[in-house]
Amino acid sequence: MDGNGRWARRRGRPASFGHRAGVRAIKRTLEGCEQLGVDVLSVYAFSTENWTRPRAEVRALMRLFHETMQREIDEMHRRGVRIVVSGRRDGLSSRMRDRIEQAVARTANNTNGVLNVCLNYGGRAELVDAVRRVVHDHLAPQQIDESAIAQRLYVPDLPDPDLIIRTAGESRVSNFLLWQSAYAEMLVTETLWPDFDIEDLKAAIAEFNSRTRRFGGRPEVESPAAGAASR
């Protein structure tokens, strides 16, 4: 969800102003997903690398995350949205961890879509933590396969993403869902995240629906030589 800072600077405001506008964009996008039949929305809220940002910005972001969870949980629960949080809990304040646990527990049985908040998340960190779980579970080498890793990711019951949207013209993967996005379609839009709305979402999904997904394979095509031989 790139572009919050640029959006704010263009208005002569601090980054925190852009981040608050970014929260509103998340709400719009989630509502759009409900309308369009998208079951799971994962948002990259704060990466393991974002701790290197200026302290004032990090503090403002953490305060915003806490306030948003507290303010929006009733509506999310009323709408039947299940909230899950991917990422490392260590490094977060005890207050934030408590808020996360409350939100996850309260919405655990909801079935009208999933909002996956990637908070203190990094794709490499997730793989490291999955491998640590493999070691902890004493798996023999012959027991370690893709399924063994996938079952030890932060939220193993979520499906792999079909589409990853990168806003503000950024075209990097940026350590996001490295395992899960192996065959996800990528779409880059110049729209800054605070300006992203349902029309942008519809356009992204229309573009996705126009693509052919082969997952590394290729449909069999009869070559001229093969055709001549068969005749």
C-alpha atoms as a PDB file:
ATOM      1  CA  MET A   1       0.000   0.000   0.000  1.00  0.00           C
ATOM      2  CA  ASP A   2       2.535   2.557  -1.206  1.00  0.00           C
ATOM      3  CA  GLY A   3       2.169   6.288  -1.555  1.00  0.00           C
ATOM      4  CA  ASN A   4       0.853   7.455   1.821  1.00  0.00           C
ATOM      5  CA  GLY A   5       3.887   9.673   2.430  1.00  0.00           C
ATOM      6  CA  ARG A   6       3.908  11.143  -1.067  1.00  0.00           C
ATOM      7  CA  TRP A   7       0.159  11.778  -0.859  1.00  0.00           C
ATOM      8  CA  ALA A   8       0.656  13.677   2.394  1.00  0.00           C
ATOM      9  CA  ARG A   9       3.675  15.669   1.172  1.00  0.00           C
ATOM     10  CA  ARG A  10       1.759  16.880  -1.862  1.00  0.00           C
ATOM     11  CA  ARG A  11      -0.701  18.384   0.592  1.00  0.00           C
ATOM     12  CA  GLY A  12       1.949  19.855   2.839  1.00  0.00           C
ATOM     13  CA  ARG A  13       1.119  17.466   5.652  1.00  0.00           C
ATOM     14  CA  PRO A  14       3.141  14.955   7.708  1.00  0.00           C
ATOM     15  CA  ALA A  15       3.334  11.258   6.830  1.00  0.00           C
ATOM     16  CA  SER A  16       0.875  10.416   9.626  1.00  0.00           C
ATOM     17  CA  PHE A  17      -1.803  12.340   7.716  1.00  0.00           C
ATOM     18  CA  GLY A  18      -1.227  10.065   4.721  1.00  0.00           C
ATOM     19  CA  HIS A  19      -1.294   6.920   6.845  1.00  0.00           C
ATOM     20  CA  ARG A  20      -4.713   7.883   8.238  1.00  0.00           C
ATOM     21  CA  ALA A  21      -5.964   8.405   4.701  1.00  0.00           C
ATOM     22  CA  GLY A  22      -4.490   4.997   3.900  1.00  0.00           C
ATOM     23  CA  VAL A  23      -6.675   3.396   6.588  1.00  0.00           C
ATOM     24  CA  ARG A  24      -9.740   4.840   4.866  1.00  0.00           C
ATOM     25  CA  ALA A  25      -8.528   3.291   1.621  1.00  0.00           C
ATOM     26  CA  ILE A  26      -8.324  -0.108   3.345  1.00  0.00           C
ATOM     27  CA  LYS A  27     -11.959   0.233   4.405  1.00  0.00           C
ATOM     28  CA  ARG A  28     -13.013   1.151   0.862  1.00  0.00           C
ATOM     29  CA  THR A  29     -11.065  -1.739  -0.598  1.00  0.00           C
ATOM     30  CA  LEU A  30     -12.498  -4.233   1.879  1.00  0.00           C
ATOM     31  CA  GLU A  31     -16.005  -3.058   1.045  1.00  0.00           C
ATOM     32  CA  GLY A  32     -15.172  -3.402  -2.646  1.00  0.00           C
ATOM     33  CA  CYS A  33     -13.922  -6.938  -2.074  1.00  0.00           C
ATOM     34  CA  GLU A  34     -17.219  -7.833  -0.432  1.00  0.00           C
ATOM     35  CA  GLN A  35     -19.157  -6.418  -3.388  1.00  0.00           C
ATOM     36  CA  LEU A  36     -16.986  -8.185  -5.962  1.00  0.00           C
ATOM     37  CA  GLY A  37     -16.816 -11.574  -4.253  1.00  0.00           C
ATOM     38  CA  VAL A  38     -13.178 -11.480  -3.166  1.00  0.00           C
ATOM     39  CA  ASP A  39     -12.898 -13.732  -0.113  1.00  0.00           C
ATOM     40  CA  VAL A  40      -9.488 -12.757   1.283  1.00  0.00           C
ATOM     41  CA  LEU A  41      -7.768  -9.355   1.389  1.00  0.00           C
ATOM     42  CA  SER A  42      -4.205  -9.209   2.714  1.00  0.00           C
ATOM     43  CA  VAL A  43      -2.803  -5.761   3.467  1.00  0.00           C
ATOM     44  CA  TYR A  44       0.895  -5.071   4.054  1.00  0.00           C
ATOM     45  CA  ALA A  45       0.506  -2.714   6.994  1.00  0.00           C
ATOM     46  CA  PHE A  46       4.009  -2.709   8.519  1.00  0.00           C
ATOM     47  CA  SER A  47       7.079  -4.674   7.493  1.00  0.00           C
ATOM     48  CA  THR A  48       9.955  -5.967   9.573  1.00  0.00           C
ATOM     49  CA  GLU A  49      12.069  -3.342   7.773  1.00  0.00           C
ATOM     50  CA  ASN A  50       9.744  -0.451   8.607  1.00  0.00           C
ATOM     51  CA  TRP A  51      11.257  -0.219  12.110  1.00  0.00           C
ATOM     52  CA  THR A  52      14.123   1.705  10.500  1.00  0.00           C
ATOM     53  CA  ARG A  53      11.820   4.628   9.671  1.00  0.00           C
ATOM     54  CA  PRO A  54      11.976   7.785  11.825  1.00  0.00           C
ATOM     55  CA  ARG A  55      10.881   7.059  15.392  1.00  0.00           C
ATOM     56  CA  ALA A  56       8.101   9.630  15.294  1.00  0.00           C
ATOM     57  CA  GLU A  57       6.586   7.974  12.209  1.00  0.00           C
ATOM     58  CA  VAL A  58       6.831   4.492  13.729  1.00  0.00           C
ATOM     59  CA  ARG A  59       5.164   5.673  16.944  1.00  0.00           C
ATOM     60  CA  ALA A  60       2.400   7.338  14.952  1.00  0.00           C
ATOM     61  CA  LEU A  61       1.866   4.181  12.910  1.00  0.00           C
ATOM     62  CA  MET A  62       1.640   1.952  15.976  1.00  0.00           C
ATOM     63  CA  ARG A  63      -0.785   4.351  17.613  1.00  0.00           C
ATOM     64  CA  LEU A  64      -2.861   4.358  14.427  1.00  0.00           C
ATOM     65  CA  PHE A  65      -2.918   0.551  14.234  1.00  0.00           C
ATOM     66  CA  HIS A  66      -4.084   0.297  17.830  1.00  0.00           C
ATOM     67  CA  GLU A  67      -6.755   2.984  17.432  1.00  0.00           C
ATOM     68  CA  THR A  68      -8.018   1.457  14.190  1.00  0.00           C
ATOM     69  CA  MET A  69      -8.376  -2.025  15.636  1.00  0.00           C
ATOM     70  CA  GLN A  70     -10.188  -0.622  18.650  1.00  0.00           C
ATOM     71  CA  ARG A  71     -12.476   1.579  16.553  1.00  0.00           C
ATOM     72  CA  GLU A  72     -13.268  -0.808  13.694  1.00  0.00           C
ATOM     73  CA  ILE A  73     -13.600  -4.160  15.449  1.00  0.00           C
ATOM     74  CA  ASP A  74     -17.334  -3.758  16.131  1.00  0.00           C
ATOM     75  CA  GLU A  75     -18.095  -2.991  12.490  1.00  0.00           C
ATOM     76  CA  MET A  76     -15.870  -5.786  11.204  1.00  0.00           C
ATOM     77  CA  HIS A  77     -17.576  -8.237  13.516  1.00  0.00           C
ATOM     78  CA  ARG A  78     -21.038  -6.985  12.540  1.00  0.00           C
ATOM     79  CA  ARG A  79     -20.197  -7.475   8.873  1.00  0.00           C
ATOM     80  CA  GLY A  80     -18.952 -10.994   9.571  1.00  0.00           C
ATOM     81  CA  VAL A  81     -15.345 -10.326   8.596  1.00  0.00           C
ATOM     82  CA  ARG A  82     -12.710 -12.555  10.149  1.00  0.00           C
ATOM     83  CA  ILE A  83      -9.546 -10.708  11.175  1.00  0.00           C
ATOM     84  CA  VAL A  84      -6.199 -12.477  11.188  1.00  0.00           C
ATOM     85  CA  VAL A  85      -2.761 -10.988  11.724  1.00  0.00           C
ATOM     86  CA  SER A  86       0.388 -12.272  10.013  1.00  0.00           C
ATOM     87  CA  GLY A  87       3.779 -11.378  11.409  1.00  0.00           C
ATOM     88  CA  ARG A  88       5.991 -11.561  14.449  1.00  0.00           C
ATOM     89  CA  ARG A  89       4.329 -10.527  17.682  1.00  0.00           C
ATOM     90  CA  ASP A  90       7.619  -9.949  19.467  1.00  0.00           C
ATOM     91  CA  GLY A  91       8.681  -6.381  18.942  1.00  0.00           C
ATOM     92  CA  LEU A  92       5.107  -5.172  19.349  1.00  0.00           C
ATOM     93  CA  SER A  93       3.990  -3.648  22.625  1.00  0.00           C
ATOM     94  CA  SER A  94       2.017  -5.792  25.067  1.00  0.00           C
ATOM     95  CA  ARG A  95      -0.878  -3.382  24.535  1.00  0.00           C
ATOM     96  CA  MET A  96      -0.789  -4.005  20.796  1.00  0.00           C
ATOM     97  CA  ARG A  97      -0.497  -7.757  21.246  1.00  0.00           C
ATOM     98  CA  ASP A  98      -3.535  -7.738  23.527  1.00  0.00           C
ATOM     99  CA  ARG A  99      -5.537  -5.742  20.986  1.00  0.00           C
ATOM    100  CA  ILE A 100      -4.583  -8.182  18.241  1.00  0.00           C
ATOM    101  CA  GLU A 101      -5.571 -11.195  20.330  1.00  0.00           C
ATOM    102  CA  GLN A 102      -8.933  -9.615  21.128  1.00  0.00           C
ATOM    103  CA  ALA A 103      -9.677  -8.840  17.475  1.00  0.00           C
ATOM    104  CA  VAL A 104      -8.618 -12.291  16.274  1.00  0.00           C
ATOM    105  CA  ALA A 105     -10.547 -14.132  18.984  1.00  0.00           C
ATOM    106  CA  ARG A 106     -13.724 -12.087  18.619  1.00  0.00           C
ATOM    107  CA  THR A 107     -13.965 -12.569  14.849  1.00  0.00           C
ATOM    108  CA  ALA A 108     -12.604 -16.127  14.675  1.00  0.00           C
ATOM    109  CA  ASN A 109     -15.919 -17.701  13.677  1.00  0.00           C
ATOM    110  CA  ASN A 110     -16.936 -15.080  11.112  1.00  0.00           C
ATOM    111  CA  THR A 111     -17.385 -16.360   7.565  1.00  0.00           C
ATOM    112  CA  ASN A 112     -18.032 -13.277   5.407  1.00  0.00           C
ATOM    113  CA  GLY A 113     -14.486 -12.832   4.162  1.00  0.00           C
ATOM    114  CA  VAL A 114     -11.048 -12.485   5.746  1.00  0.00           C
ATOM    115  CA  LEU A 115      -8.923  -9.399   6.384  1.00  0.00           C
ATOM    116  CA  ASN A 116      -5.321 -10.500   6.819  1.00  0.00           C
ATOM    117  CA  VAL A 117      -3.297  -7.693   8.381  1.00  0.00           C
ATOM    118  CA  CYS A 118       0.429  -8.212   7.787  1.00  0.00           C
ATOM    119  CA  LEU A 119       1.936  -6.404  10.763  1.00  0.00           C
ATOM    120  CA  ASN A 120       5.622  -6.614  11.670  1.00  0.00           C
ATOM    121  CA  TYR A 121       5.698  -8.967   8.717  1.00  0.00           C
ATOM    122  CA  GLY A 122       8.483 -10.071   6.403  1.00  0.00           C
ATOM    123  CA  GLY A 123       8.405 -12.912   3.916  1.00  0.00           C
ATOM    124  CA  ARG A 124      11.915 -14.052   4.830  1.00  0.00           C
ATOM    125  CA  ALA A 125      11.115 -13.856   8.540  1.00  0.00           C
ATOM    126  CA  GLU A 126       8.036 -16.010   7.960  1.00  0.00           C
ATOM    127  CA  LEU A 127      10.118 -18.661   6.207  1.00  0.00           C
ATOM    128  CA  VAL A 128      12.738 -18.581   8.965  1.00  0.00           C
ATOM    129  CA  ASP A 129      10.008 -19.020  11.580  1.00  0.00           C
ATOM    130  CA  ALA A 130       8.463 -21.878   9.582  1.00  0.00           C
ATOM    131  CA  VAL A 131      11.815 -23.664   9.439  1.00  0.00           C
ATOM    132  CA  ARG A 132      12.235 -23.160  13.182  1.00  0.00           C
ATOM    133  CA  ARG A 133       8.858 -24.869  13.683  1.00  0.00           C
ATOM    134  CA  VAL A 134      10.004 -27.747  11.478  1.00  0.00           C
ATOM    135  CA  VAL A 135      13.072 -28.171  13.703  1.00  0.00           C
ATOM    136  CA  HIS A 136      10.985 -27.819  16.865  1.00  0.00           C
ATOM    137  CA  ASP A 137       8.613 -30.526  15.617  1.00  0.00           C
ATOM    138  CA  HIS A 138      11.550 -32.902  15.022  1.00  0.00           C
ATOM    139  CA  LEU A 139      10.622 -33.680  11.415  1.00  0.00           C
ATOM    140  CA  ALA A 140      12.898 -36.138   9.649  1.00  0.00           C
ATOM    141  CA  PRO A 141      14.407 -34.920   6.352  1.00  0.00           C
ATOM    142  CA  GLN A 142      12.123 -37.177   4.318  1.00  0.00           C
ATOM    143  CA  GLN A 143       9.103 -35.597   6.029  1.00  0.00           C
ATOM    144  CA  ILE A 144      10.002 -32.085   4.902  1.00  0.00           C
ATOM    145  CA  ASP A 145       8.154 -31.070   1.752  1.00  0.00           C
ATOM    146  CA  GLU A 146       6.168 -28.065   0.535  1.00  0.00           C
ATOM    147  CA  SER A 147       3.192 -29.085   2.642  1.00  0.00           C
ATOM    148  CA  ALA A 148       5.314 -29.272   5.797  1.00  0.00           C
ATOM    149  CA  ILE A 149       6.515 -25.700   5.237  1.00  0.00           C
ATOM    150  CA  ALA A 150       3.091 -24.344   4.227  1.00  0.00           C
ATOM    151  CA  GLN A 151       1.471 -25.798   7.344  1.00  0.00           C
ATOM    152  CA  ARG A 152       3.910 -23.821   9.506  1.00  0.00           C
ATOM    153  CA  LEU A 153       3.388 -20.385   7.991  1.00  0.00           C
ATOM    154  CA  TYR A 154       1.801 -17.656  10.117  1.00  0.00           C
ATOM    155  CA  VAL A 155      -1.774 -18.284   8.897  1.00  0.00           C
ATOM    156  CA  PRO A 156      -1.621 -21.667   7.143  1.00  0.00           C
ATOM    157  CA  ASP A 157      -5.345 -21.935   6.432  1.00  0.00           C
ATOM    158  CA  LEU A 158      -5.377 -18.950   4.045  1.00  0.00           C
ATOM    159  CA  PRO A 159      -5.214 -19.675   0.306  1.00  0.00           C
ATOM    160  CA  ASP A 160      -2.322 -18.372  -1.763  1.00  0.00           C
ATOM    161  CA  PRO A 161      -3.064 -14.943  -3.258  1.00  0.00           C
ATOM    162  CA  ASP A 162      -4.246 -14.806  -6.855  1.00  0.00           C
ATOM    163  CA  LEU A 163      -3.458 -11.124  -7.377  1.00  0.00           C
ATOM    164  CA  ILE A 164      -0.994  -8.720  -5.750  1.00  0.00           C
ATOM    165  CA  ILE A 165      -1.630  -5.021  -6.358  1.00  0.00           C
ATOM    166  CA  ARG A 166       1.271  -2.613  -5.902  1.00  0.00           C
ATOM    167  CA  THR A 167       0.289   1.050  -5.764  1.00  0.00           C
ATOM    168  CA  ALA A 168       2.239   4.281  -6.391  1.00  0.00           C
ATOM    169  CA  GLY A 169       4.134   2.806  -9.327  1.00  0.00           C
ATOM    170  CA  GLU A 170       6.369   0.597  -7.192  1.00  0.00           C
ATOM    171  CA  SER A 171       7.328  -2.670  -8.900  1.00  0.00           C
ATOM    172  CA  ARG A 172       9.260  -4.474  -6.166  1.00  0.00           C
ATOM    173  CA  VAL A 173       8.125  -7.563  -4.266  1.00  0.00           C
ATOM    174  CA  SER A 174       9.443  -5.968  -1.042  1.00  0.00           C
ATOM    175  CA  ASN A 175       9.568  -9.170   1.012  1.00  0.00           C
ATOM    176  CA  PHE A 176       5.781  -9.697   0.826  1.00  0.00           C
ATOM    177  CA  LEU A 177       4.293 -13.220   0.966  1.00  0.00           C
ATOM    178  CA  LEU A 178       7.370 -14.717  -0.692  1.00  0.00           C
ATOM    179  CA  TRP A 179       6.197 -18.311  -0.324  1.00  0.00           C
ATOM    180  CA  GLN A 180       2.520 -17.710  -1.022  1.00  0.00           C
ATOM    181  CA  SER A 181       2.952 -15.447  -4.048  1.00  0.00           C
ATOM    182  CA  ALA A 182       4.959 -17.906  -6.153  1.00  0.00           C
ATOM    183  CA  TYR A 183       2.306 -17.847  -8.900  1.00  0.00           C
ATOM    184  CA  ALA A 184       0.342 -14.724  -8.013  1.00  0.00           C
ATOM    185  CA  GLU A 185      -0.360 -12.247 -10.779  1.00  0.00           C
ATOM    186  CA  MET A 186       1.299  -8.863 -10.198  1.00  0.00           C
ATOM    187  CA  LEU A 187      -0.324  -5.554 -11.066  1.00  0.00           C
ATOM    188  CA  VAL A 188       1.349  -2.157 -10.643  1.00  0.00           C
ATOM    189  CA  THR A 189      -0.743   1.014 -10.626  1.00  0.00           C
ATOM    190  CA  GLU A 190       0.444   4.612 -10.461  1.00  0.00           C
ATOM    191  CA  THR A 191      -2.429   5.443  -8.093  1.00  0.00           C
ATOM    192  CA  LEU A 192      -1.229   6.446  -4.618  1.00  0.00           C
ATOM    193  CA  TRP A 193      -2.746   4.214  -1.965  1.00  0.00           C
ATOM    194  CA  PRO A 194      -4.901   6.894  -0.242  1.00  0.00           C
ATOM    195  CA  ASP A 195      -6.569   7.538  -3.638  1.00  0.00           C
ATOM    196  CA  PHE A 196      -7.225   3.844  -4.356  1.00  0.00           C
ATOM    197  CA  ASP A 197     -10.965   3.170  -4.606  1.00  0.00           C
ATOM    198  CA  ILE A 198     -13.425   0.579  -5.857  1.00  0.00           C
ATOM    199  CA  GLU A 199     -13.012   1.680  -9.467  1.00  0.00           C
ATOM    200  CA  ASP A 200      -9.284   0.983  -9.197  1.00  0.00           C
ATOM    201  CA  LEU A 201     -10.090  -2.392  -7.647  1.00  0.00           C
ATOM    202  CA  LYS A 202     -12.544  -3.230 -10.439  1.00  0.00           C
ATOM    203  CA  ALA A 203      -9.937  -2.278 -13.036  1.00  0.00           C
ATOM    204  CA  ALA A 204      -7.329  -4.466 -11.326  1.00  0.00           C
ATOM    205  CA  ILE A 205      -9.649  -7.462 -11.213  1.00  0.00           C
ATOM    206  CA  ALA A 206     -10.676  -6.948 -14.838  1.00  0.00           C
ATOM    207  CA  GLU A 207      -6.993  -6.973 -15.805  1.00  0.00           C
ATOM    208  CA  PHE A 208      -6.478 -10.121 -13.724  1.00  0.00           C
ATOM    209  CA  ASN A 209      -9.428 -11.825 -15.427  1.00  0.00           C
ATOM    210  CA  SER A 210      -7.936 -11.059 -18.850  1.00  0.00           C
ATOM    211  CA  ARG A 211      -4.746 -12.975 -18.127  1.00  0.00           C
ATOM    212  CA  THR A 212      -4.032 -16.659 -18.711  1.00  0.00           C
ATOM    213  CA  ARG A 213      -2.551 -18.397 -15.683  1.00  0.00           C
ATOM    214  CA  ARG A 214      -0.391 -21.437 -16.455  1.00  0.00           C
ATOM    215  CA  PHE A 215       1.342 -21.976 -13.091  1.00  0.00           C
ATOM    216  CA  GLY A 216       4.600 -22.834 -14.838  1.00  0.00           C
ATOM    217  CA  GLY A 217       2.993 -25.202 -17.345  1.00  0.00           C
ATOM    218  CA  ARG A 218       2.086 -24.785 -20.993  1.00  0.00           C
ATOM    219  CA  PRO A 219      -0.882 -26.184 -22.898  1.00  0.00           C
ATOM    220  CA  GLU A 220       0.013 -28.815 -25.455  1.00  0.00           C
ATOM    221  CA  VAL A 221       0.254 -27.318 -28.940  1.00  0.00           C
ATOM    222  CA  GLU A 222       0.471 -29.584 -31.933  1.00  0.00           C
ATOM    223  CA  SER A 223       3.628 -28.754 -33.829  1.00  0.00           C
ATOM    224  CA  PRO A 224       3.651 -28.884 -37.678  1.00  0.00           C
ATOM    225  CA  ALA A 225       6.081 -31.783 -37.578  1.00  0.00           C
ATOM    226  CA  ALA A 226       3.904 -33.766 -35.167  1.00  0.00           C
ATOM    227  CA  GLY A 227       0.839 -33.023 -37.241  1.00  0.00           C
ATOM    228  CA  ALA A 228       2.477 -34.211 -40.452  1.00  0.00           C
ATOM    229  CA  ALA A 229       3.646 -37.417 -38.790  1.00  0.00           C
ATOM    230  CA  SER A 230       0.205 -38.201 -37.412  1.00  0.00           C
ATOM    231  CA  ARG A 231      -1.453 -37.736 -40.804  1.00  0.00           C
END
